Amino acid sequence: ALHKNFTEAEFDFKVWNSYFSLAVLYINQPSLQLENLS
């Protein structure tokens, strides 16, 4: 839905900035950092 509604002519920097910020937060969350587990 983001891709369909917010690309090219309707590109919204704020929407995509939020989306990629969410992706970075997701990737960096401690529960996904397996190297820190036993």
All heavy atoms as atom14 arrays in JSON, in Angstrom:
{
  "sequence": "ALHKNFTEAEFDFKVWNSYFSLAVLYINQPSLQLENLS",
  "atom14_mask": [
    [1, 1, 1, 1, 1, 0, 0, 0, 0, 0, 0, 0, 0, 0],
    [1, 1, 1, 1, 1, 1, 1, 1, 0, 0, 0, 0, 0, 0],
    [1, 1, 1, 1, 1, 1, 1, 1, 1, 1, 0, 0, 0, 0],
    [1, 1, 1, 1, 1, 1, 1, 1, 1, 0, 0, 0, 0, 0],
    [1, 1, 1, 1, 1, 1, 1, 1, 0, 0, 0, 0, 0, 0],
    [1, 1, 1, 1, 1, 1, 1, 1, 1, 1, 1, 0, 0, 0],
    [1, 1, 1, 1, 1, 1, 1, 0, 0, 0, 0, 0, 0, 0],
    [1, 1, 1, 1, 1, 1, 1, 1, 1, 0, 0, 0, 0, 0],
    [1, 1, 1, 1, 1, 0, 0, 0, 0, 0, 0, 0, 0, 0],
    [1, 1, 1, 1, 1, 1, 1, 1, 1, 0, 0, 0, 0, 0],
    [1, 1, 1, 1, 1, 1, 1, 1, 1, 1, 1, 0, 0, 0],
    [1, 1, 1, 1, 1, 1, 1, 1, 0, 0, 0, 0, 0, 0],
    [1, 1, 1, 1, 1, 1, 1, 1, 1, 1, 1, 0, 0, 0],
    [1, 1, 1, 1, 1, 1, 1, 1, 1, 0, 0, 0, 0, 0],
    [1, 1, 1, 1, 1, 1, 1, 0, 0, 0, 0, 0, 0, 0],
    [1, 1, 1, 1, 1, 1, 1, 1, 1, 1, 1, 1, 1, 1],
    [1, 1, 1, 1, 1, 1, 1, 1, 0, 0, 0, 0, 0, 0],
    [1, 1, 1, 1, 1, 1, 0, 0, 0, 0, 0, 0, 0, 0],
    [1, 1, 1, 1, 1, 1, 1, 1, 1, 1, 1, 1, 0, 0],
    [1, 1, 1, 1, 1, 1, 1, 1, 1, 1, 1, 0, 0, 0],
    [1, 1, 1, 1, 1, 1, 0, 0, 0, 0, 0, 0, 0, 0],
    [1, 1, 1, 1, 1, 1, 1, 1, 0, 0, 0, 0, 0, 0],
    [1, 1, 1, 1, 1, 0, 0, 0, 0, 0, 0, 0, 0, 0],
    [1, 1, 1, 1, 1, 1, 1, 0, 0, 0, 0, 0, 0, 0],
    [1, 1, 1, 1, 1, 1, 1, 1, 0, 0, 0, 0, 0, 0],
    [1, 1, 1, 1, 1, 1, 1, 1, 1, 1, 1, 1, 0, 0],
    [1, 1, 1, 1, 1, 1, 1, 1, 0, 0, 0, 0, 0, 0],
    [1, 1, 1, 1, 1, 1, 1, 1, 0, 0, 0, 0, 0, 0],
    [1, 1, 1, 1, 1, 1, 1, 1, 1, 0, 0, 0, 0, 0],
    [1, 1, 1, 1, 1, 1, 1, 0, 0, 0, 0, 0, 0, 0],
    [1, 1, 1, 1, 1, 1, 0, 0, 0, 0, 0, 0, 0, 0],
    [1, 1, 1, 1, 1, 1, 1, 1, 0, 0, 0, 0, 0, 0],
    [1, 1, 1, 1, 1, 1, 1, 1, 1, 0, 0, 0, 0, 0],
    [1, 1, 1, 1, 1, 1, 1, 1, 0, 0, 0, 0, 0, 0],
    [1, 1, 1, 1, 1, 1, 1, 1, 1, 0, 0, 0, 0, 0],
    [1, 1, 1, 1, 1, 1, 1, 1, 0, 0, 0, 0, 0, 0],
    [1, 1, 1, 1, 1, 1, 1, 1, 0, 0, 0, 0, 0, 0],
    [1, 1, 1, 1, 1, 1, 0, 0, 0, 0, 0, 0, 0, 0]
  ],
  "atom14_positions": [
    [[0.84, -1.21, 0.0], [0.0, 0.0, 0.0], [0.87, 1.25, 0.0], [0.56, 2.23, -0.71], [-0.93, 0.0, 1.21], [0.0, 0.0, 0.0], [0.0, 0.0, 0.0], [0.0, 0.0, 0.0], [0.0, 0.0, 0.0], [0.0, 0.0, 0.0], [0.0, 0.0, 0.0], [0.0, 0.0, 0.0], [0.0, 0.0, 0.0], [0.0, 0.0, 0.0]],
    [[1.95, 1.23, 0.75], [2.86, 2.37, 0.74], [3.46, 2.56, -0.64], [3.54, 3.67, -1.15], [4.0, 2.17, 1.76], [3.66, 2.39, 3.21], [4.84, 2.0, 4.08], [3.3, 3.83, 3.45], [0.0, 0.0, 0.0], [0.0, 0.0, 0.0], [0.0, 0.0, 0.0], [0.0, 0.0, 0.0], [0.0, 0.0, 0.0], [0.0, 0.0, 0.0]],
    [[3.89, 1.46, -1.23], [4.5, 1.54, -2.56], [3.5, 2.06, -3.59], [3.84, 2.91, -4.43], [5.03, 0.16, -2.97], [5.82, 0.19, -4.22], [5.26, -0.07, -5.45], [7.11, 0.49, -4.45], [6.17, 0.06, -6.38], [7.32, 0.39, -5.81], [0.0, 0.0, 0.0], [0.0, 0.0, 0.0], [0.0, 0.0, 0.0], [0.0, 0.0, 0.0]],
    [[2.29, 1.56, -3.53], [1.27, 1.97, -4.49], [0.88, 3.44, -4.35], [0.7, 4.14, -5.34], [0.04, 1.08, -4.32], [-1.1, 1.42, -5.25], [-2.3, 0.52, -4.98], [-3.48, 0.95, -5.82], [-4.68, 0.19, -5.49], [0.0, 0.0, 0.0], [0.0, 0.0, 0.0], [0.0, 0.0, 0.0], [0.0, 0.0, 0.0], [0.0, 0.0, 0.0]],
    [[0.76, 3.91, -3.12], [0.2, 5.24, -2.88], [1.23, 6.35, -2.65], [0.86, 7.53, -2.67], [-0.75, 5.19, -1.68], [-1.95, 4.32, -1.95], [-2.61, 4.46, -2.97], [-2.22, 3.4, -1.05], [0.0, 0.0, 0.0], [0.0, 0.0, 0.0], [0.0, 0.0, 0.0], [0.0, 0.0, 0.0], [0.0, 0.0, 0.0], [0.0, 0.0, 0.0]],
    [[2.49, 5.99, -2.4], [3.46, 7.03, -2.05], [4.75, 6.94, -2.85], [5.83, 7.19, -2.32], [3.76, 6.98, -0.55], [2.59, 7.29, 0.31], [1.89, 6.28, 0.95], [2.17, 8.6, 0.48], [0.8, 6.57, 1.75], [1.09, 8.91, 1.27], [0.39, 7.88, 1.9], [0.0, 0.0, 0.0], [0.0, 0.0, 0.0], [0.0, 0.0, 0.0]],
    [[4.67, 6.56, -4.11], [5.86, 6.56, -4.96], [5.64, 7.5, -6.14], [4.54, 7.93, -6.43], [6.16, 5.15, -5.49], [5.02, 4.64, -6.14], [6.58, 4.21, -4.38], [0.0, 0.0, 0.0], [0.0, 0.0, 0.0], [0.0, 0.0, 0.0], [0.0, 0.0, 0.0], [0.0, 0.0, 0.0], [0.0, 0.0, 0.0], [0.0, 0.0, 0.0]],
    [[6.73, 7.81, -6.77], [6.77, 8.66, -7.96], [6.0, 9.96, -7.79], [6.43, 10.82, -7.05], [6.31, 7.85, -9.17], [7.22, 6.66, -9.39], [7.01, 6.0, -10.71], [6.49, 6.64, -11.62], [7.42, 4.85, -10.83], [0.0, 0.0, 0.0], [0.0, 0.0, 0.0], [0.0, 0.0, 0.0], [0.0, 0.0, 0.0], [0.0, 0.0, 0.0]],
    [[4.87, 10.13, -8.45], [4.17, 11.43, -8.42], [3.7, 11.8, -7.02], [3.65, 12.96, -6.65], [2.97, 11.4, -9.37], [0.0, 0.0, 0.0], [0.0, 0.0, 0.0], [0.0, 0.0, 0.0], [0.0, 0.0, 0.0], [0.0, 0.0, 0.0], [0.0, 0.0, 0.0], [0.0, 0.0, 0.0], [0.0, 0.0, 0.0], [0.0, 0.0, 0.0]],
    [[3.36, 10.8, -6.23], [2.86, 11.06, -4.88], [3.94, 10.8, -3.82], [3.61, 10.53, -2.68], [1.64, 10.17, -4.61], [0.47, 10.41, -5.52], [-0.14, 11.8, -5.33], [-0.21, 12.27, -4.19], [-0.52, 12.4, -6.35], [0.0, 0.0, 0.0], [0.0, 0.0, 0.0], [0.0, 0.0, 0.0], [0.0, 0.0, 0.0], [0.0, 0.0, 0.0]],
    [[5.2, 10.88, -4.22], [6.28, 10.59, -3.27], [6.19, 11.52, -2.06], [6.11, 12.73, -2.19], [7.64, 10.76, -3.95], [8.79, 10.37, -3.06], [9.14, 9.04, -2.95], [9.47, 11.32, -2.33], [10.2, 8.66, -2.14], [10.52, 10.96, -1.51], [10.88, 9.62, -1.42], [0.0, 0.0, 0.0], [0.0, 0.0, 0.0], [0.0, 0.0, 0.0]],
    [[6.18, 10.91, -0.9], [6.1, 11.67, 0.35], [7.31, 11.3, 1.2], [7.38, 10.21, 1.77], [4.8, 11.33, 1.08], [4.58, 12.19, 2.31], [5.55, 12.8, 2.81], [3.43, 12.24, 2.78], [0.0, 0.0, 0.0], [0.0, 0.0, 0.0], [0.0, 0.0, 0.0], [0.0, 0.0, 0.0], [0.0, 0.0, 0.0], [0.0, 0.0, 0.0]],
    [[8.27, 12.22, 1.27], [9.51, 11.96, 2.0], [9.25, 11.57, 3.44], [9.88, 10.65, 3.97], [10.42, 13.19, 1.94], [11.69, 13.0, 2.72], [12.75, 12.28, 2.19], [11.82, 13.52, 3.99], [13.91, 12.1, 2.9], [12.98, 13.34, 4.73], [14.02, 12.63, 4.18], [0.0, 0.0, 0.0], [0.0, 0.0, 0.0], [0.0, 0.0, 0.0]],
    [[8.33, 12.23, 4.1], [8.07, 11.96, 5.51], [7.58, 10.52, 5.73], [8.0, 9.85, 6.68], [7.05, 12.96, 6.05], [6.89, 12.93, 7.54], [6.0, 14.06, 8.01], [5.88, 14.03, 9.53], [5.03, 15.09, 10.03], [0.0, 0.0, 0.0], [0.0, 0.0, 0.0], [0.0, 0.0, 0.0], [0.0, 0.0, 0.0], [0.0, 0.0, 0.0]],
    [[6.71, 10.05, 4.86], [6.2, 8.68, 4.98], [7.34, 7.68, 4.82], [7.5, 6.75, 5.62], [5.1, 8.41, 3.94], [4.75, 6.93, 3.87], [3.86, 9.22, 4.25], [0.0, 0.0, 0.0], [0.0, 0.0, 0.0], [0.0, 0.0, 0.0], [0.0, 0.0, 0.0], [0.0, 0.0, 0.0], [0.0, 0.0, 0.0], [0.0, 0.0, 0.0]],
    [[8.16, 7.86, 3.78], [9.24, 6.92, 3.53], [10.34, 7.03, 4.58], [10.95, 6.01, 4.96], [9.81, 7.11, 2.12], [8.85, 6.56, 1.11], [8.04, 7.27, 0.28], [8.56, 5.19, 0.87], [7.28, 6.43, -0.48], [7.57, 5.14, -0.14], [9.02, 3.99, 1.41], [7.06, 3.94, -0.61], [8.51, 2.8, 0.92], [7.54, 2.77, -0.07]],
    [[10.59, 8.21, 5.1], [11.56, 8.37, 6.17], [11.09, 7.6, 7.41], [11.89, 6.91, 8.05], [11.75, 9.85, 6.49], [12.89, 10.07, 7.45], [13.97, 9.51, 7.29], [12.65, 10.89, 8.46], [0.0, 0.0, 0.0], [0.0, 0.0, 0.0], [0.0, 0.0, 0.0], [0.0, 0.0, 0.0], [0.0, 0.0, 0.0], [0.0, 0.0, 0.0]],
    [[9.82, 7.69, 7.73], [9.27, 6.95, 8.87], [9.36, 5.44, 8.63], [9.7, 4.68, 9.54], [7.82, 7.35, 9.11], [7.74, 8.69, 9.48], [0.0, 0.0, 0.0], [0.0, 0.0, 0.0], [0.0, 0.0, 0.0], [0.0, 0.0, 0.0], [0.0, 0.0, 0.0], [0.0, 0.0, 0.0], [0.0, 0.0, 0.0], [0.0, 0.0, 0.0]],
    [[9.06, 5.01, 7.42], [9.1, 3.59, 7.09], [10.51, 3.03, 7.26], [10.71, 1.98, 7.87], [8.61, 3.39, 5.66], [8.58, 1.96, 5.19], [7.57, 1.11, 5.59], [9.57, 1.48, 4.35], [7.54, -0.21, 5.15], [9.54, 0.16, 3.91], [8.53, -0.67, 4.32], [8.51, -1.97, 3.89], [0.0, 0.0, 0.0], [0.0, 0.0, 0.0]],
    [[11.5, 3.73, 6.75], [12.87, 3.24, 6.86], [13.43, 3.39, 8.28], [14.24, 2.58, 8.72], [13.78, 3.89, 5.81], [13.51, 3.35, 4.44], [12.94, 4.15, 3.47], [13.8, 2.04, 4.12], [12.67, 3.65, 2.21], [13.53, 1.52, 2.86], [12.97, 2.34, 1.9], [0.0, 0.0, 0.0], [0.0, 0.0, 0.0], [0.0, 0.0, 0.0]],
    [[12.97, 4.39, 9.01], [13.35, 4.5, 10.43], [12.82, 3.3, 11.2], [13.5, 2.75, 12.07], [12.82, 5.79, 11.03], [13.45, 6.9, 10.45], [0.0, 0.0, 0.0], [0.0, 0.0, 0.0], [0.0, 0.0, 0.0], [0.0, 0.0, 0.0], [0.0, 0.0, 0.0], [0.0, 0.0, 0.0], [0.0, 0.0, 0.0], [0.0, 0.0, 0.0]],
    [[11.6, 2.9, 10.89], [11.02, 1.71, 11.51], [11.84, 0.47, 11.17], [12.1, -0.37, 12.04], [9.57, 1.52, 11.05], [8.86, 0.26, 11.51], [8.65, 0.29, 13.02], [7.53, 0.11, 10.81], [0.0, 0.0, 0.0], [0.0, 0.0, 0.0], [0.0, 0.0, 0.0], [0.0, 0.0, 0.0], [0.0, 0.0, 0.0], [0.0, 0.0, 0.0]],
    [[12.26, 0.37, 9.92], [13.08, -0.78, 9.51], [14.4, -0.83, 10.29], [14.81, -1.9, 10.74], [13.36, -0.71, 8.01], [0.0, 0.0, 0.0], [0.0, 0.0, 0.0], [0.0, 0.0, 0.0], [0.0, 0.0, 0.0], [0.0, 0.0, 0.0], [0.0, 0.0, 0.0], [0.0, 0.0, 0.0], [0.0, 0.0, 0.0], [0.0, 0.0, 0.0]],
    [[15.03, 0.3, 10.48], [16.29, 0.34, 11.22], [16.06, -0.04, 12.68], [16.83, -0.81, 13.26], [16.96, 1.73, 11.09], [18.12, 1.87, 12.04], [17.4, 1.96, 9.66], [0.0, 0.0, 0.0], [0.0, 0.0, 0.0], [0.0, 0.0, 0.0], [0.0, 0.0, 0.0], [0.0, 0.0, 0.0], [0.0, 0.0, 0.0], [0.0, 0.0, 0.0]],
    [[15.0, 0.48, 13.28], [14.68, 0.11, 14.66], [14.42, -1.39, 14.77], [14.86, -2.04, 15.72], [13.44, 0.88, 15.15], [13.65, 2.32, 15.55], [12.3, 2.98, 15.84], [14.54, 2.42, 16.77], [0.0, 0.0, 0.0], [0.0, 0.0, 0.0], [0.0, 0.0, 0.0], [0.0, 0.0, 0.0], [0.0, 0.0, 0.0], [0.0, 0.0, 0.0]],
    [[13.72, -1.93, 13.82], [13.4, -3.36, 13.83], [14.68, -4.2, 13.76], [14.87, -5.12, 14.55], [12.48, -3.71, 12.66], [12.11, -5.16, 12.63], [11.08, -5.64, 13.42], [12.81, -6.07, 11.84], [10.73, -6.99, 13.41], [12.48, -7.41, 11.83], [11.45, -7.86, 12.62], [11.13, -9.19, 12.61], [0.0, 0.0, 0.0], [0.0, 0.0, 0.0]],
    [[15.53, -3.88, 12.83], [16.76, -4.66, 12.65], [17.67, -4.59, 13.87], [18.33, -5.56, 14.22], [17.51, -4.18, 11.38], [16.71, -4.57, 10.15], [18.92, -4.75, 11.32], [17.21, -3.92, 8.88], [0.0, 0.0, 0.0], [0.0, 0.0, 0.0], [0.0, 0.0, 0.0], [0.0, 0.0, 0.0], [0.0, 0.0, 0.0], [0.0, 0.0, 0.0]],
    [[17.69, -3.44, 14.53], [18.61, -3.23, 15.64], [18.05, -3.6, 17.01], [18.72, -3.4, 18.01], [19.08, -1.78, 15.66], [20.02, -1.49, 14.52], [20.89, -2.28, 14.2], [19.82, -0.37, 13.88], [0.0, 0.0, 0.0], [0.0, 0.0, 0.0], [0.0, 0.0, 0.0], [0.0, 0.0, 0.0], [0.0, 0.0, 0.0], [0.0, 0.0, 0.0]],
    [[16.84, -4.13, 17.07], [16.28, -4.44, 18.38], [17.06, -5.58, 19.04], [17.49, -6.53, 18.39], [14.8, -4.73, 18.29], [14.43, -5.94, 17.49], [12.95, -6.12, 17.42], [12.26, -5.99, 18.41], [12.45, -6.42, 16.25], [0.0, 0.0, 0.0], [0.0, 0.0, 0.0], [0.0, 0.0, 0.0], [0.0, 0.0, 0.0], [0.0, 0.0, 0.0]],
    [[17.27, -5.48, 20.34], [18.09, -6.46, 21.06], [17.61, -7.91, 20.95], [18.42, -8.82, 20.91], [18.02, -5.98, 22.51], [17.72, -4.53, 22.43], [16.86, -4.37, 21.2], [0.0, 0.0, 0.0], [0.0, 0.0, 0.0], [0.0, 0.0, 0.0], [0.0, 0.0, 0.0], [0.0, 0.0, 0.0], [0.0, 0.0, 0.0], [0.0, 0.0, 0.0]],
    [[16.32, -8.12, 20.85], [15.82, -9.51, 20.8], [16.21, -10.22, 19.51], [16.16, -11.45, 19.45], [14.3, -9.53, 20.98], [13.66, -8.84, 19.95], [0.0, 0.0, 0.0], [0.0, 0.0, 0.0], [0.0, 0.0, 0.0], [0.0, 0.0, 0.0], [0.0, 0.0, 0.0], [0.0, 0.0, 0.0], [0.0, 0.0, 0.0], [0.0, 0.0, 0.0]],
    [[16.61, -9.49, 18.48], [17.05, -10.12, 17.24], [18.56, -10.26, 17.14], [19.08, -10.8, 16.16], [16.54, -9.31, 16.04], [15.03, -9.26, 15.86], [14.67, -8.41, 14.65], [14.43, -10.65, 15.74], [0.0, 0.0, 0.0], [0.0, 0.0, 0.0], [0.0, 0.0, 0.0], [0.0, 0.0, 0.0], [0.0, 0.0, 0.0], [0.0, 0.0, 0.0]],
    [[19.26, -9.82, 18.12], [20.72, -9.88, 18.12], [21.16, -11.22, 18.74], [21.47, -11.31, 19.91], [21.28, -8.71, 18.9], [20.63, -7.4, 18.52], [21.58, -6.43, 17.91], [22.76, -6.45, 18.19], [21.06, -5.57, 17.08], [0.0, 0.0, 0.0], [0.0, 0.0, 0.0], [0.0, 0.0, 0.0], [0.0, 0.0, 0.0], [0.0, 0.0, 0.0]],
    [[21.17, -12.25, 17.91], [21.44, -13.59, 18.38], [22.84, -13.75, 18.97], [23.06, -14.61, 19.82], [21.23, -14.6, 17.26], [19.82, -14.69, 16.7], [19.74, -15.75, 15.61], [18.8, -14.94, 17.78], [0.0, 0.0, 0.0], [0.0, 0.0, 0.0], [0.0, 0.0, 0.0], [0.0, 0.0, 0.0], [0.0, 0.0, 0.0], [0.0, 0.0, 0.0]],
    [[23.76, -12.93, 18.55], [25.13, -13.05, 19.07], [25.21, -12.73, 20.56], [26.19, -13.09, 21.22], [26.11, -12.18, 18.28], [25.84, -10.7, 18.35], [24.87, -10.2, 17.29], [24.3, -10.99, 16.56], [24.7, -8.98, 17.22], [0.0, 0.0, 0.0], [0.0, 0.0, 0.0], [0.0, 0.0, 0.0], [0.0, 0.0, 0.0], [0.0, 0.0, 0.0]],
    [[24.19, -12.09, 21.11], [24.18, -11.75, 22.53], [23.53, -12.83, 23.38], [23.49, -12.7, 24.61], [23.46, -10.42, 22.76], [24.19, -9.27, 22.12], [25.41, -9.3, 21.97], [23.46, -8.25, 21.72], [0.0, 0.0, 0.0], [0.0, 0.0, 0.0], [0.0, 0.0, 0.0], [0.0, 0.0, 0.0], [0.0, 0.0, 0.0], [0.0, 0.0, 0.0]],
    [[23.03, -13.88, 22.77], [22.39, -14.97, 23.51], [23.39, -16.07, 23.82], [24.45, -16.18, 23.18], [21.24, -15.55, 22.69], [20.1, -14.6, 22.33], [19.09, -15.33, 21.44], [19.43, -14.06, 23.57], [0.0, 0.0, 0.0], [0.0, 0.0, 0.0], [0.0, 0.0, 0.0], [0.0, 0.0, 0.0], [0.0, 0.0, 0.0], [0.0, 0.0, 0.0]],
    [[23.03, -16.91, 24.76], [23.88, -18.06, 25.05], [23.84, -19.01, 23.86], [22.88, -19.02, 23.08], [23.38, -18.77, 26.31], [22.14, -19.4, 26.04], [0.0, 0.0, 0.0], [0.0, 0.0, 0.0], [0.0, 0.0, 0.0], [0.0, 0.0, 0.0], [0.0, 0.0, 0.0], [0.0, 0.0, 0.0], [0.0, 0.0, 0.0], [0.0, 0.0, 0.0]]
  ]
}
